[in-house]
Amino acid sequence: MPDLNIVLNKGKITSIIGPNGCGKSTVLKTISRLLKAKGGTVLINDTDMKELSTKDIAKLLAILPQTPTAPSGLTVEELVAYGRFPYQKGFGRLSPEDKMVISWALQVTHLEQFADREIGSLSGGQRQKVWIAMALAQQTGTILLDEPTTYLDLAHQVEVLELLADLNREQNCTIVMVLHDLNLASRFSDYLLAMKDGHVVKYGGPEEVMTNDILRECFNIDAKIIKEEHTGKYTCVTYDLIRDIKE
């Protein structure tokens, strides 16, 4: 991947957009150190991540990969408890503080009534909220999510993104996520990072990125963008594929 120079804004929601294979997930995994950077430096709170242990990083950021899976038979509360791993010592028993944080994570994600339910018995949207609760239990200031709305219906997509927006607003949590749906990215994000072929095409507010020129360059489409009356956000209402005309 070509060299990238990105500064993500603390306490804000940033969505990474771009065509398939452009490097969105690679950027997210490199930020989290799931992938080793071939060069350059990744800083978090002005600290080089190469100097941090895995546990130290887990106290600073949480990452949710695409379509995460949980062991069969695991309950909601048990999965959320995994988020306390970076803080456990000795035999890994949950401390009173761990239990308090787990309870809080279930509460803010509105999952208290599902605490004893097996993960496999939940809907896709509910399962995604459980993974977010686990990330919250890590008590990090940053959550990275790789396509958190994949395979969810329209209502559950909005529900998950509204939850993330609430966490950002109420907990000052920095959210960085990969999204395919441009309109949802524009609606729920403070900043958009548009990519193509491993390059940053544009990084800025939705009003700067959701333009015909940027979408043409990234996706090879001719898009009609409006400022939607209900949300006040920039929305792609229709588009056509730009085809090369050969004479």
C-alpha atoms as a PDB file:
ATOM      1  CA  MET A   1       0.000   0.000   0.000  1.00  0.00           C
ATOM      2  CA  PRO A   2       1.289   3.527  -0.792  1.00  0.00           C
ATOM      3  CA  ASP A   3       2.361   5.804   2.015  1.00  0.00           C
ATOM      4  CA  LEU A   4      -0.518   7.334   3.968  1.00  0.00           C
ATOM      5  CA  ASN A   5      -0.508  10.340   6.234  1.00  0.00           C
ATOM      6  CA  ILE A   6      -3.707  10.448   8.280  1.00  0.00           C
ATOM      7  CA  VAL A   7      -4.578  12.248  11.515  1.00  0.00           C
ATOM      8  CA  LEU A   8      -7.869  11.002  12.936  1.00  0.00           C
ATOM      9  CA  ASN A   9      -9.787  13.422  15.113  1.00  0.00           C
ATOM     10  CA  LYS A  10     -10.166  12.482  18.770  1.00  0.00           C
ATOM     11  CA  GLY A  11     -13.681  12.382  20.157  1.00  0.00           C
ATOM     12  CA  LYS A  12     -15.229  12.292  16.672  1.00  0.00           C
ATOM     13  CA  ILE A  13     -16.791   9.714  14.348  1.00  0.00           C
ATOM     14  CA  THR A  14     -14.802   8.989  11.184  1.00  0.00           C
ATOM     15  CA  SER A  15     -16.007   6.635   8.452  1.00  0.00           C
ATOM     16  CA  ILE A  16     -13.661   5.181   5.832  1.00  0.00           C
ATOM     17  CA  ILE A  17     -15.321   4.817   2.438  1.00  0.00           C
ATOM     18  CA  GLY A  18     -14.148   3.594  -0.951  1.00  0.00           C
ATOM     19  CA  PRO A  19     -14.547   0.782  -3.499  1.00  0.00           C
ATOM     20  CA  ASN A  20     -13.846  -2.854  -2.707  1.00  0.00           C
ATOM     21  CA  GLY A  21     -10.153  -3.634  -2.427  1.00  0.00           C
ATOM     22  CA  CYS A  22      -9.039  -0.022  -1.989  1.00  0.00           C
ATOM     23  CA  GLY A  23      -7.424  -0.668   1.407  1.00  0.00           C
ATOM     24  CA  LYS A  24     -10.124   0.396   3.890  1.00  0.00           C
ATOM     25  CA  SER A  25      -9.849  -2.670   6.122  1.00  0.00           C
ATOM     26  CA  THR A  26      -6.065  -2.712   5.763  1.00  0.00           C
ATOM     27  CA  VAL A  27      -5.878   0.821   7.158  1.00  0.00           C
ATOM     28  CA  LEU A  28      -8.115  -0.128  10.086  1.00  0.00           C
ATOM     29  CA  LYS A  29      -6.091  -3.274  10.876  1.00  0.00           C
ATOM     30  CA  THR A  30      -2.801  -1.383  10.632  1.00  0.00           C
ATOM     31  CA  ILE A  31      -4.051   1.299  13.012  1.00  0.00           C
ATOM     32  CA  SER A  32      -4.955  -1.417  15.521  1.00  0.00           C
ATOM     33  CA  ARG A  33      -1.686  -3.336  14.908  1.00  0.00           C
ATOM     34  CA  LEU A  34      -3.544  -6.433  13.743  1.00  0.00           C
ATOM     35  CA  LEU A  35      -1.390  -5.908  10.657  1.00  0.00           C
ATOM     36  CA  LYS A  36       2.214  -4.845  10.963  1.00  0.00           C
ATOM     37  CA  ALA A  37       3.035  -1.622   9.166  1.00  0.00           C
ATOM     38  CA  LYS A  38       5.777  -2.160   6.582  1.00  0.00           C
ATOM     39  CA  GLY A  39       7.076   1.317   7.264  1.00  0.00           C
ATOM     40  CA  GLY A  40       6.300   4.554   8.979  1.00  0.00           C
ATOM     41  CA  THR A  41       4.761   5.089  12.387  1.00  0.00           C
ATOM     42  CA  VAL A  42       1.329   4.680  13.935  1.00  0.00           C
ATOM     43  CA  LEU A  43       0.813   6.990  16.903  1.00  0.00           C
ATOM     44  CA  ILE A  44      -1.909   6.845  19.520  1.00  0.00           C
ATOM     45  CA  ASN A  45      -1.995   9.657  22.065  1.00  0.00           C
ATOM     46  CA  ASP A  46       1.422  10.711  20.696  1.00  0.00           C
ATOM     47  CA  THR A  47       2.920   7.293  21.544  1.00  0.00           C
ATOM     48  CA  ASP A  48       4.433   4.978  18.923  1.00  0.00           C
ATOM     49  CA  MET A  49       2.362   1.782  19.016  1.00  0.00           C
ATOM     50  CA  LYS A  50       5.516  -0.258  18.415  1.00  0.00           C
ATOM     51  CA  GLU A  51       6.546   0.651  21.955  1.00  0.00           C
ATOM     52  CA  LEU A  52       3.323  -0.653  23.518  1.00  0.00           C
ATOM     53  CA  SER A  53       2.470  -4.179  24.632  1.00  0.00           C
ATOM     54  CA  THR A  54      -0.644  -5.913  23.321  1.00  0.00           C
ATOM     55  CA  LYS A  55      -2.362  -5.423  26.678  1.00  0.00           C
ATOM     56  CA  ASP A  56      -1.469  -1.744  26.722  1.00  0.00           C
ATOM     57  CA  ILE A  57      -2.950  -1.307  23.252  1.00  0.00           C
ATOM     58  CA  ALA A  58      -6.100  -3.161  24.349  1.00  0.00           C
ATOM     59  CA  LYS A  59      -6.540  -0.534  27.064  1.00  0.00           C
ATOM     60  CA  LEU A  60      -6.347   2.253  24.490  1.00  0.00           C
ATOM     61  CA  LEU A  61      -8.441   0.924  21.629  1.00  0.00           C
ATOM     62  CA  ALA A  62     -10.855  -1.862  20.786  1.00  0.00           C
ATOM     63  CA  ILE A  63     -11.394  -3.317  17.328  1.00  0.00           C
ATOM     64  CA  LEU A  64     -14.379  -5.254  16.013  1.00  0.00           C
ATOM     65  CA  PRO A  65     -13.566  -7.180  12.802  1.00  0.00           C
ATOM     66  CA  GLN A  66     -16.043  -8.084  10.097  1.00  0.00           C
ATOM     67  CA  THR A  67     -18.589 -10.719  11.164  1.00  0.00           C
ATOM     68  CA  PRO A  68     -16.982 -11.685  14.513  1.00  0.00           C
ATOM     69  CA  THR A  69     -17.935 -15.097  15.900  1.00  0.00           C
ATOM     70  CA  ALA A  70     -18.356 -16.262  19.484  1.00  0.00           C
ATOM     71  CA  PRO A  71     -17.838 -19.781  20.873  1.00  0.00           C
ATOM     72  CA  SER A  72     -20.994 -21.885  20.882  1.00  0.00           C
ATOM     73  CA  GLY A  73     -23.034 -21.679  24.078  1.00  0.00           C
ATOM     74  CA  LEU A  74     -21.499 -18.420  25.292  1.00  0.00           C
ATOM     75  CA  THR A  75     -23.933 -16.019  26.956  1.00  0.00           C
ATOM     76  CA  VAL A  76     -24.140 -12.289  26.377  1.00  0.00           C
ATOM     77  CA  GLU A  77     -22.657 -11.465  29.774  1.00  0.00           C
ATOM     78  CA  GLU A  78     -19.812 -13.958  29.298  1.00  0.00           C
ATOM     79  CA  LEU A  79     -18.840 -12.416  25.958  1.00  0.00           C
ATOM     80  CA  VAL A  80     -18.958  -8.888  27.335  1.00  0.00           C
ATOM     81  CA  ALA A  81     -16.723 -10.057  30.197  1.00  0.00           C
ATOM     82  CA  TYR A  82     -14.007 -10.843  27.650  1.00  0.00           C
ATOM     83  CA  GLY A  83     -13.555  -7.099  27.350  1.00  0.00           C
ATOM     84  CA  ARG A  84     -12.038  -7.058  30.835  1.00  0.00           C
ATOM     85  CA  PHE A  85      -9.137  -9.323  29.823  1.00  0.00           C
ATOM     86  CA  PRO A  86      -6.544  -6.508  29.558  1.00  0.00           C
ATOM     87  CA  TYR A  87      -7.149  -5.624  33.202  1.00  0.00           C
ATOM     88  CA  GLN A  88      -7.156  -9.105  34.734  1.00  0.00           C
ATOM     89  CA  LYS A  89      -4.305 -10.553  36.751  1.00  0.00           C
ATOM     90  CA  GLY A  90      -3.472 -13.900  38.262  1.00  0.00           C
ATOM     91  CA  PHE A  91      -6.143 -16.496  37.527  1.00  0.00           C
ATOM     92  CA  GLY A  92      -8.253 -14.049  35.569  1.00  0.00           C
ATOM     93  CA  ARG A  93     -11.125 -13.873  38.025  1.00  0.00           C
ATOM     94  CA  LEU A  94     -13.499 -10.965  37.659  1.00  0.00           C
ATOM     95  CA  SER A  95     -13.022  -8.282  40.284  1.00  0.00           C
ATOM     96  CA  PRO A  96     -15.876  -6.198  41.714  1.00  0.00           C
ATOM     97  CA  GLU A  97     -14.735  -3.393  39.406  1.00  0.00           C
ATOM     98  CA  ASP A  98     -14.831  -5.755  36.397  1.00  0.00           C
ATOM     99  CA  LYS A  99     -18.395  -6.769  37.243  1.00  0.00           C
ATOM    100  CA  MET A 100     -19.425  -3.139  37.652  1.00  0.00           C
ATOM    101  CA  VAL A 101     -18.000  -2.232  34.225  1.00  0.00           C
ATOM    102  CA  ILE A 102     -19.675  -5.248  32.589  1.00  0.00           C
ATOM    103  CA  SER A 103     -23.001  -4.212  34.109  1.00  0.00           C
ATOM    104  CA  TRP A 104     -22.495  -0.664  32.851  1.00  0.00           C
ATOM    105  CA  ALA A 105     -21.644  -1.870  29.312  1.00  0.00           C
ATOM    106  CA  LEU A 106     -24.817  -3.978  29.223  1.00  0.00           C
ATOM    107  CA  GLN A 107     -26.843  -1.048  30.485  1.00  0.00           C
ATOM    108  CA  VAL A 108     -25.670   1.551  27.973  1.00  0.00           C
ATOM    109  CA  THR A 109     -26.211  -0.882  25.085  1.00  0.00           C
ATOM    110  CA  HIS A 110     -29.674  -1.795  26.440  1.00  0.00           C
ATOM    111  CA  LEU A 111     -28.795  -5.475  26.742  1.00  0.00           C
ATOM    112  CA  GLU A 112     -29.463  -6.096  30.441  1.00  0.00           C
ATOM    113  CA  GLN A 113     -32.500  -8.300  29.706  1.00  0.00           C
ATOM    114  CA  PHE A 114     -30.367 -10.483  27.408  1.00  0.00           C
ATOM    115  CA  ALA A 115     -27.465 -11.007  29.834  1.00  0.00           C
ATOM    116  CA  ASP A 116     -28.174 -14.728  30.333  1.00  0.00           C
ATOM    117  CA  ARG A 117     -29.171 -15.448  26.737  1.00  0.00           C
ATOM    118  CA  GLU A 118     -26.866 -17.408  24.441  1.00  0.00           C
ATOM    119  CA  ILE A 119     -25.315 -15.321  21.675  1.00  0.00           C
ATOM    120  CA  GLY A 120     -26.613 -17.709  19.017  1.00  0.00           C
ATOM    121  CA  SER A 121     -30.231 -17.046  20.014  1.00  0.00           C
ATOM    122  CA  LEU A 122     -30.038 -13.324  19.256  1.00  0.00           C
ATOM    123  CA  SER A 123     -30.797 -11.423  16.074  1.00  0.00           C
ATOM    124  CA  GLY A 124     -27.975 -10.021  13.973  1.00  0.00           C
ATOM    125  CA  GLY A 125     -28.517  -6.510  15.300  1.00  0.00           C
ATOM    126  CA  GLN A 126     -28.573  -7.696  18.894  1.00  0.00           C
ATOM    127  CA  ARG A 127     -25.368  -9.698  18.400  1.00  0.00           C
ATOM    128  CA  GLN A 128     -23.624  -6.659  16.954  1.00  0.00           C
ATOM    129  CA  LYS A 129     -24.637  -4.660  20.035  1.00  0.00           C
ATOM    130  CA  VAL A 130     -23.151  -7.384  22.260  1.00  0.00           C
ATOM    131  CA  TRP A 131     -19.794  -7.031  20.490  1.00  0.00           C
ATOM    132  CA  ILE A 132     -19.979  -3.277  20.964  1.00  0.00           C
ATOM    133  CA  ALA A 133     -20.727  -3.846  24.659  1.00  0.00           C
ATOM    134  CA  MET A 134     -17.626  -6.049  24.876  1.00  0.00           C
ATOM    135  CA  ALA A 135     -15.581  -3.248  23.325  1.00  0.00           C
ATOM    136  CA  LEU A 136     -17.042  -0.810  25.845  1.00  0.00           C
ATOM    137  CA  ALA A 137     -16.041  -3.134  28.681  1.00  0.00           C
ATOM    138  CA  GLN A 138     -12.427  -2.619  27.585  1.00  0.00           C
ATOM    139  CA  GLN A 139     -12.862   1.016  28.681  1.00  0.00           C
ATOM    140  CA  THR A 140     -10.881   2.381  25.794  1.00  0.00           C
ATOM    141  CA  GLY A 141     -11.192   5.849  24.340  1.00  0.00           C
ATOM    142  CA  THR A 142     -11.302   4.515  20.783  1.00  0.00           C
ATOM    143  CA  ILE A 143     -13.370   1.855  19.016  1.00  0.00           C
ATOM    144  CA  LEU A 144     -12.518   0.642  15.505  1.00  0.00           C
ATOM    145  CA  LEU A 145     -15.213  -1.216  13.561  1.00  0.00           C
ATOM    146  CA  ASP A 146     -14.880  -2.983  10.214  1.00  0.00           C
ATOM    147  CA  GLU A 147     -18.254  -2.837   8.452  1.00  0.00           C
ATOM    148  CA  PRO A 148     -20.424  -3.035  11.603  1.00  0.00           C
ATOM    149  CA  THR A 149     -23.664  -2.986   9.573  1.00  0.00           C
ATOM    150  CA  THR A 150     -22.844  -5.901   7.248  1.00  0.00           C
ATOM    151  CA  TYR A 151     -25.739  -8.389   6.843  1.00  0.00           C
ATOM    152  CA  LEU A 152     -28.084  -6.240   8.965  1.00  0.00           C
ATOM    153  CA  ASP A 153     -31.477  -5.068   7.726  1.00  0.00           C
ATOM    154  CA  LEU A 154     -32.168  -1.351   7.378  1.00  0.00           C
ATOM    155  CA  ALA A 155     -33.666  -0.906  10.850  1.00  0.00           C
ATOM    156  CA  HIS A 156     -30.821  -2.729  12.597  1.00  0.00           C
ATOM    157  CA  GLN A 157     -28.222  -0.778  10.610  1.00  0.00           C
ATOM    158  CA  VAL A 158     -29.634   2.504  11.889  1.00  0.00           C
ATOM    159  CA  GLU A 159     -30.016   1.083  15.406  1.00  0.00           C
ATOM    160  CA  VAL A 160     -26.333   0.083  15.581  1.00  0.00           C
ATOM    161  CA  LEU A 161     -25.146   3.413  14.174  1.00  0.00           C
ATOM    162  CA  GLU A 162     -27.399   5.372  16.526  1.00  0.00           C
ATOM    163  CA  LEU A 163     -25.856   3.436  19.418  1.00  0.00           C
ATOM    164  CA  LEU A 164     -22.364   4.359  18.236  1.00  0.00           C
ATOM    165  CA  ALA A 165     -23.424   8.004  17.872  1.00  0.00           C
ATOM    166  CA  ASP A 166     -24.777   7.943  21.438  1.00  0.00           C
ATOM    167  CA  LEU A 167     -21.507   6.489  22.728  1.00  0.00           C
ATOM    168  CA  ASN A 168     -19.567   9.175  20.902  1.00  0.00           C
ATOM    169  CA  ARG A 169     -21.740  11.961  22.264  1.00  0.00           C
ATOM    170  CA  GLU A 170     -22.214  10.709  25.831  1.00  0.00           C
ATOM    171  CA  GLN A 171     -18.881   8.935  26.474  1.00  0.00           C
ATOM    172  CA  ASN A 172     -16.697  11.091  24.177  1.00  0.00           C
ATOM    173  CA  CYS A 173     -15.645   7.861  22.490  1.00  0.00           C
ATOM    174  CA  THR A 174     -13.633   8.136  19.271  1.00  0.00           C
ATOM    175  CA  ILE A 175     -15.239   5.972  16.576  1.00  0.00           C
ATOM    176  CA  VAL A 176     -13.452   4.910  13.386  1.00  0.00           C
ATOM    177  CA  MET A 177     -15.344   2.550  11.092  1.00  0.00           C
ATOM    178  CA  VAL A 178     -15.438   1.175   7.584  1.00  0.00           C
ATOM    179  CA  LEU A 179     -18.837   1.619   5.917  1.00  0.00           C
ATOM    180  CA  HIS A 180     -20.074   0.725   2.448  1.00  0.00           C
ATOM    181  CA  ASP A 181     -23.298   2.712   2.617  1.00  0.00           C
ATOM    182  CA  LEU A 182     -22.351   6.267   1.651  1.00  0.00           C
ATOM    183  CA  ASN A 183     -25.545   7.832   2.968  1.00  0.00           C
ATOM    184  CA  LEU A 184     -25.233   6.196   6.374  1.00  0.00           C
ATOM    185  CA  ALA A 185     -21.576   7.221   6.504  1.00  0.00           C
ATOM    186  CA  SER A 186     -22.511  10.810   5.731  1.00  0.00           C
ATOM    187  CA  ARG A 187     -25.403  10.831   8.190  1.00  0.00           C
ATOM    188  CA  PHE A 188     -23.571   9.446  11.203  1.00  0.00           C
ATOM    189  CA  SER A 189     -20.020  10.737  10.726  1.00  0.00           C
ATOM    190  CA  ASP A 190     -18.206  13.935  11.606  1.00  0.00           C
ATOM    191  CA  TYR A 191     -15.490  13.104   9.075  1.00  0.00           C
ATOM    192  CA  LEU A 192     -15.206  10.906   5.987  1.00  0.00           C
ATOM    193  CA  LEU A 193     -11.999   9.375   4.677  1.00  0.00           C
ATOM    194  CA  ALA A 194     -12.427   8.555   0.988  1.00  0.00           C
ATOM    195  CA  MET A 195      -9.921   6.090  -0.501  1.00  0.00           C
ATOM    196  CA  LYS A 196      -9.043   4.554  -3.854  1.00  0.00           C
ATOM    197  CA  ASP A 197      -6.205   2.162  -4.724  1.00  0.00           C
ATOM    198  CA  GLY A 198      -4.589   2.615  -1.312  1.00  0.00           C
ATOM    199  CA  HIS A 199      -4.540   6.415  -1.581  1.00  0.00           C
ATOM    200  CA  VAL A 200      -6.465   9.010   0.377  1.00  0.00           C
ATOM    201  CA  VAL A 201      -8.600  10.874  -2.139  1.00  0.00           C
ATOM    202  CA  LYS A 202     -10.204  13.234   0.371  1.00  0.00           C
ATOM    203  CA  TYR A 203     -10.448  13.583   4.142  1.00  0.00           C
ATOM    204  CA  GLY A 204     -12.912  16.057   5.566  1.00  0.00           C
ATOM    205  CA  GLY A 205     -16.485  16.687   6.655  1.00  0.00           C
ATOM    206  CA  PRO A 206     -19.353  15.018   4.773  1.00  0.00           C
ATOM    207  CA  GLU A 207     -20.027  18.267   2.930  1.00  0.00           C
ATOM    208  CA  GLU A 208     -16.461  18.139   1.554  1.00  0.00           C
ATOM    209  CA  VAL A 209     -16.416  14.449   0.624  1.00  0.00           C
ATOM    210  CA  MET A 210     -19.994  13.779  -0.512  1.00  0.00           C
ATOM    211  CA  THR A 211     -19.542  15.613  -3.788  1.00  0.00           C
ATOM    212  CA  ASN A 212     -19.954  14.514  -7.379  1.00  0.00           C
ATOM    213  CA  ASP A 213     -16.248  15.017  -8.100  1.00  0.00           C
ATOM    214  CA  ILE A 214     -15.039  12.908  -5.154  1.00  0.00           C
ATOM    215  CA  LEU A 215     -17.525  10.086  -5.776  1.00  0.00           C
ATOM    216  CA  ARG A 216     -16.638  10.148  -9.462  1.00  0.00           C
ATOM    217  CA  GLU A 217     -12.962   9.715  -8.643  1.00  0.00           C
ATOM    218  CA  CYS A 218     -13.485   7.031  -5.999  1.00  0.00           C
ATOM    219  CA  PHE A 219     -16.341   4.986  -7.425  1.00  0.00           C
ATOM    220  CA  ASN A 220     -16.494   5.935 -11.116  1.00  0.00           C
ATOM    221  CA  ILE A 221     -20.094   7.112 -10.765  1.00  0.00           C
ATOM    222  CA  ASP A 222     -21.981  10.244 -11.736  1.00  0.00           C
ATOM    223  CA  ALA A 223     -23.913  11.014  -8.543  1.00  0.00           C
ATOM    224  CA  LYS A 224     -26.638  13.458  -7.650  1.00  0.00           C
ATOM    225  CA  ILE A 225     -26.005  14.817  -4.146  1.00  0.00           C
ATOM    226  CA  ILE A 226     -28.521  16.827  -2.136  1.00  0.00           C
ATOM    227  CA  LYS A 227     -28.645  18.217   1.383  1.00  0.00           C
ATOM    228  CA  GLU A 228     -31.431  16.124   2.870  1.00  0.00           C
ATOM    229  CA  GLU A 229     -34.113  18.197   4.621  1.00  0.00           C
ATOM    230  CA  HIS A 230     -34.879  15.795   7.477  1.00  0.00           C
ATOM    231  CA  THR A 231     -31.313  15.149   8.695  1.00  0.00           C
ATOM    232  CA  GLY A 232     -29.497  18.121   7.177  1.00  0.00           C
ATOM    233  CA  LYS A 233     -26.909  15.670   5.862  1.00  0.00           C
ATOM    234  CA  TYR A 234     -25.547  15.265   2.342  1.00  0.00           C
ATOM    235  CA  THR A 235     -27.193  12.350   0.574  1.00  0.00           C
ATOM    236  CA  CYS A 236     -26.657  10.560  -2.720  1.00  0.00           C
ATOM    237  CA  VAL A 237     -30.168  10.225  -4.180  1.00  0.00           C
ATOM    238  CA  THR A 238     -29.193   8.516  -7.443  1.00  0.00           C
ATOM    239  CA  TYR A 239     -26.161   7.741  -9.591  1.00  0.00           C
ATOM    240  CA  ASP A 240     -25.099   6.327 -12.916  1.00  0.00           C
ATOM    241  CA  LEU A 241     -22.049   4.299 -13.800  1.00  0.00           C
ATOM    242  CA  ILE A 242     -19.535   6.239 -15.862  1.00  0.00           C
ATOM    243  CA  ARG A 243     -18.611   4.117 -18.855  1.00  0.00           C
ATOM    244  CA  ASP A 244     -15.580   4.667 -21.005  1.00  0.00           C
ATOM    245  CA  ILE A 245     -16.666   5.477 -24.538  1.00  0.00           C
ATOM    246  CA  LYS A 246     -14.343   4.145 -27.193  1.00  0.00           C
ATOM    247  CA  GLU A 247     -14.611   5.417 -30.714  1.00  0.00           C
END
